């Protein structure tokens, strides 16, 4: 383990430089949280994840039918089906509506 002391104003620059050198040397560099655990991105855990999959998952968690969700959003069951199957892209407007309905960040659906 290597420990460095740098002025706080330079910490980000120094950390980025070290990460760049280690990456160029072929090392897999990961962030560590305050508990000492590796920080892993959702993309690494769920490489095939999509907004459609997130929508299906959240609807399933709430135990709502497509029709029930459609009614909450003021749309049709066919629209929800198309969004969940990926046949129709989730627009910014719809993502914001979904975020409100599920009480989560709309960015999950983009």
C-alpha atoms as a PDB file:
ATOM      1  CA  UNK A   1       0.000   0.000   0.000  1.00  0.00           C
ATOM      2  CA  UNK A   2       1.208   3.486  -0.833  1.00  0.00           C
ATOM      3  CA  UNK A   3       0.221   6.530   1.194  1.00  0.00           C
ATOM      4  CA  UNK A   4       0.725  10.118   0.022  1.00  0.00           C
ATOM      5  CA  UNK A   5       0.103  13.478   1.636  1.00  0.00           C
ATOM      6  CA  UNK A   6      -0.839  16.231  -0.792  1.00  0.00           C
ATOM      7  CA  UNK A   7      -2.591  19.576  -0.422  1.00  0.00           C
ATOM      8  CA  UNK A   8      -6.343  19.050  -0.598  1.00  0.00           C
ATOM      9  CA  UNK A   9      -6.587  21.440  -3.553  1.00  0.00           C
ATOM     10  CA  UNK A  10      -4.310  19.084  -5.544  1.00  0.00           C
ATOM     11  CA  UNK A  11      -5.743  15.760  -4.337  1.00  0.00           C
ATOM     12  CA  UNK A  12      -8.050  15.141  -7.301  1.00  0.00           C
ATOM     13  CA  UNK A  13      -5.360  16.012  -9.844  1.00  0.00           C
ATOM     14  CA  UNK A  14      -2.805  13.758  -8.138  1.00  0.00           C
ATOM     15  CA  UNK A  15      -5.298  10.881  -7.786  1.00  0.00           C
ATOM     16  CA  UNK A  16      -6.258  11.153 -11.485  1.00  0.00           C
ATOM     17  CA  UNK A  17      -2.590  11.173 -12.514  1.00  0.00           C
ATOM     18  CA  UNK A  18      -1.812   8.070 -10.436  1.00  0.00           C
ATOM     19  CA  UNK A  19      -4.895   6.303 -11.768  1.00  0.00           C
ATOM     20  CA  UNK A  20      -3.823   7.142 -15.330  1.00  0.00           C
ATOM     21  CA  UNK A  21      -0.317   5.739 -14.815  1.00  0.00           C
ATOM     22  CA  UNK A  22      -1.636   2.544 -13.207  1.00  0.00           C
ATOM     23  CA  UNK A  23      -4.215   2.073 -15.963  1.00  0.00           C
ATOM     24  CA  UNK A  24      -1.533   2.512 -18.641  1.00  0.00           C
ATOM     25  CA  UNK A  25       0.537  -0.116 -16.819  1.00  0.00           C
ATOM     26  CA  UNK A  26      -2.370  -2.565 -17.191  1.00  0.00           C
ATOM     27  CA  UNK A  27      -3.730  -2.435 -13.656  1.00  0.00           C
ATOM     28  CA  UNK A  28      -7.447  -2.414 -12.918  1.00  0.00           C
ATOM     29  CA  UNK A  29      -7.953   0.647 -10.693  1.00  0.00           C
ATOM     30  CA  UNK A  30     -11.070   0.814  -8.523  1.00  0.00           C
ATOM     31  CA  UNK A  31     -12.365   3.354  -6.043  1.00  0.00           C
ATOM     32  CA  UNK A  32     -12.608   2.375  -2.376  1.00  0.00           C
ATOM     33  CA  UNK A  33     -15.388   3.771  -0.174  1.00  0.00           C
ATOM     34  CA  UNK A  34     -14.948   5.033   3.397  1.00  0.00           C
ATOM     35  CA  UNK A  35     -15.564   1.502   4.738  1.00  0.00           C
ATOM     36  CA  UNK A  36     -12.681   0.155   2.638  1.00  0.00           C
ATOM     37  CA  UNK A  37     -14.959  -1.641   0.163  1.00  0.00           C
ATOM     38  CA  UNK A  38     -14.433  -1.613  -3.608  1.00  0.00           C
ATOM     39  CA  UNK A  39     -16.891   0.600  -5.465  1.00  0.00           C
ATOM     40  CA  UNK A  40     -18.415  -1.268  -8.408  1.00  0.00           C
ATOM     41  CA  UNK A  41     -20.649   0.317 -11.035  1.00  0.00           C
ATOM     42  CA  UNK A  42     -24.109  -0.979 -11.886  1.00  0.00           C
ATOM     43  CA  UNK A  43     -22.923  -1.421 -15.490  1.00  0.00           C
ATOM     44  CA  UNK A  44     -20.319  -3.926 -14.297  1.00  0.00           C
ATOM     45  CA  UNK A  45     -22.872  -5.933 -12.336  1.00  0.00           C
ATOM     46  CA  UNK A  46     -25.688  -5.701 -14.886  1.00  0.00           C
ATOM     47  CA  UNK A  47     -24.020  -5.320 -18.310  1.00  0.00           C
ATOM     48  CA  UNK A  48     -27.264  -6.093 -20.158  1.00  0.00           C
ATOM     49  CA  UNK A  49     -29.373  -3.695 -18.101  1.00  0.00           C
ATOM     50  CA  UNK A  50     -31.615  -1.258 -19.915  1.00  0.00           C
ATOM     51  CA  UNK A  51     -34.246   1.341 -19.056  1.00  0.00           C
ATOM     52  CA  UNK A  52     -36.887  -1.178 -20.203  1.00  0.00           C
ATOM     53  CA  UNK A  53     -35.518  -3.750 -17.737  1.00  0.00           C
ATOM     54  CA  UNK A  54     -35.538  -1.163 -14.946  1.00  0.00           C
ATOM     55  CA  UNK A  55     -39.161  -0.319 -15.704  1.00  0.00           C
ATOM     56  CA  UNK A  56     -40.210  -3.987 -15.620  1.00  0.00           C
ATOM     57  CA  UNK A  57     -38.281  -4.484 -12.383  1.00  0.00           C
ATOM     58  CA  UNK A  58     -39.776  -1.499 -10.566  1.00  0.00           C
ATOM     59  CA  UNK A  59     -43.294  -2.344 -11.735  1.00  0.00           C
ATOM     60  CA  UNK A  60     -42.786  -5.925 -10.559  1.00  0.00           C
ATOM     61  CA  UNK A  61     -41.464  -4.749  -7.199  1.00  0.00           C
ATOM     62  CA  UNK A  62     -44.619  -2.709  -6.704  1.00  0.00           C
ATOM     63  CA  UNK A  63     -46.710  -5.700  -7.827  1.00  0.00           C
ATOM     64  CA  UNK A  64     -48.581  -3.521 -10.310  1.00  0.00           C
ATOM     65  CA  UNK A  65     -49.985  -4.788 -13.583  1.00  0.00           C
ATOM     66  CA  UNK A  66     -49.154  -2.905 -16.757  1.00  0.00           C
ATOM     67  CA  UNK A  67     -52.722  -1.616 -16.715  1.00  0.00           C
ATOM     68  CA  UNK A  68     -52.374  -0.293 -13.145  1.00  0.00           C
ATOM     69  CA  UNK A  69     -49.149   1.518 -14.010  1.00  0.00           C
ATOM     70  CA  UNK A  70     -50.706   2.897 -17.186  1.00  0.00           C
ATOM     71  CA  UNK A  71     -53.585   4.352 -15.167  1.00  0.00           C
ATOM     72  CA  UNK A  72     -51.180   5.998 -12.718  1.00  0.00           C
ATOM     73  CA  UNK A  73     -49.310   7.564 -15.658  1.00  0.00           C
ATOM     74  CA  UNK A  74     -52.381   8.499 -17.690  1.00  0.00           C
ATOM     75  CA  UNK A  75     -51.374   6.298 -20.619  1.00  0.00           C
ATOM     76  CA  UNK A  76     -52.337   2.921 -22.062  1.00  0.00           C
ATOM     77  CA  UNK A  77     -51.344  -0.636 -21.225  1.00  0.00           C
ATOM     78  CA  UNK A  78     -50.066  -0.962 -24.814  1.00  0.00           C
ATOM     79  CA  UNK A  79     -47.714   1.966 -24.211  1.00  0.00           C
ATOM     80  CA  UNK A  80     -46.321   0.344 -21.036  1.00  0.00           C
ATOM     81  CA  UNK A  81     -45.872  -2.948 -22.878  1.00  0.00           C
ATOM     82  CA  UNK A  82     -43.943  -1.219 -25.670  1.00  0.00           C
ATOM     83  CA  UNK A  83     -41.738   0.604 -23.139  1.00  0.00           C
ATOM     84  CA  UNK A  84     -41.004  -2.574 -21.188  1.00  0.00           C
ATOM     85  CA  UNK A  85     -40.183  -4.600 -24.292  1.00  0.00           C
ATOM     86  CA  UNK A  86     -37.851  -1.915 -25.616  1.00  0.00           C
ATOM     87  CA  UNK A  87     -39.995  -1.405 -28.739  1.00  0.00           C
ATOM     88  CA  UNK A  88     -40.536   2.187 -27.664  1.00  0.00           C
ATOM     89  CA  UNK A  89     -37.833   4.419 -26.171  1.00  0.00           C
ATOM     90  CA  UNK A  90     -38.561   6.030 -22.810  1.00  0.00           C
ATOM     91  CA  UNK A  91     -38.656   9.789 -23.411  1.00  0.00           C
ATOM     92  CA  UNK A  92     -37.399  12.369 -20.923  1.00  0.00           C
ATOM     93  CA  UNK A  93     -41.001  13.349 -20.167  1.00  0.00           C
ATOM     94  CA  UNK A  94     -42.023   9.722 -19.506  1.00  0.00           C
ATOM     95  CA  UNK A  95     -38.868   9.089 -17.448  1.00  0.00           C
ATOM     96  CA  UNK A  96     -39.778  12.027 -15.194  1.00  0.00           C
ATOM     97  CA  UNK A  97     -43.350  10.736 -14.822  1.00  0.00           C
ATOM     98  CA  UNK A  98     -42.033   7.252 -13.989  1.00  0.00           C
ATOM     99  CA  UNK A  99     -39.623   8.726 -11.449  1.00  0.00           C
ATOM    100  CA  UNK A 100     -42.495  10.446  -9.665  1.00  0.00           C
ATOM    101  CA  UNK A 101     -44.689   7.331  -9.689  1.00  0.00           C
ATOM    102  CA  UNK A 102     -41.905   5.116  -8.303  1.00  0.00           C
ATOM    103  CA  UNK A 103     -40.443   7.886  -6.084  1.00  0.00           C
ATOM    104  CA  UNK A 104     -36.937   7.473  -7.535  1.00  0.00           C
ATOM    105  CA  UNK A 105     -34.639   9.456  -9.823  1.00  0.00           C
ATOM    106  CA  UNK A 106     -35.963   9.677 -13.367  1.00  0.00           C
ATOM    107  CA  UNK A 107     -32.403   9.067 -14.637  1.00  0.00           C
ATOM    108  CA  UNK A 108     -32.876   5.332 -13.963  1.00  0.00           C
ATOM    109  CA  UNK A 109     -35.151   5.232 -17.006  1.00  0.00           C
ATOM    110  CA  UNK A 110     -32.859   7.008 -19.473  1.00  0.00           C
END
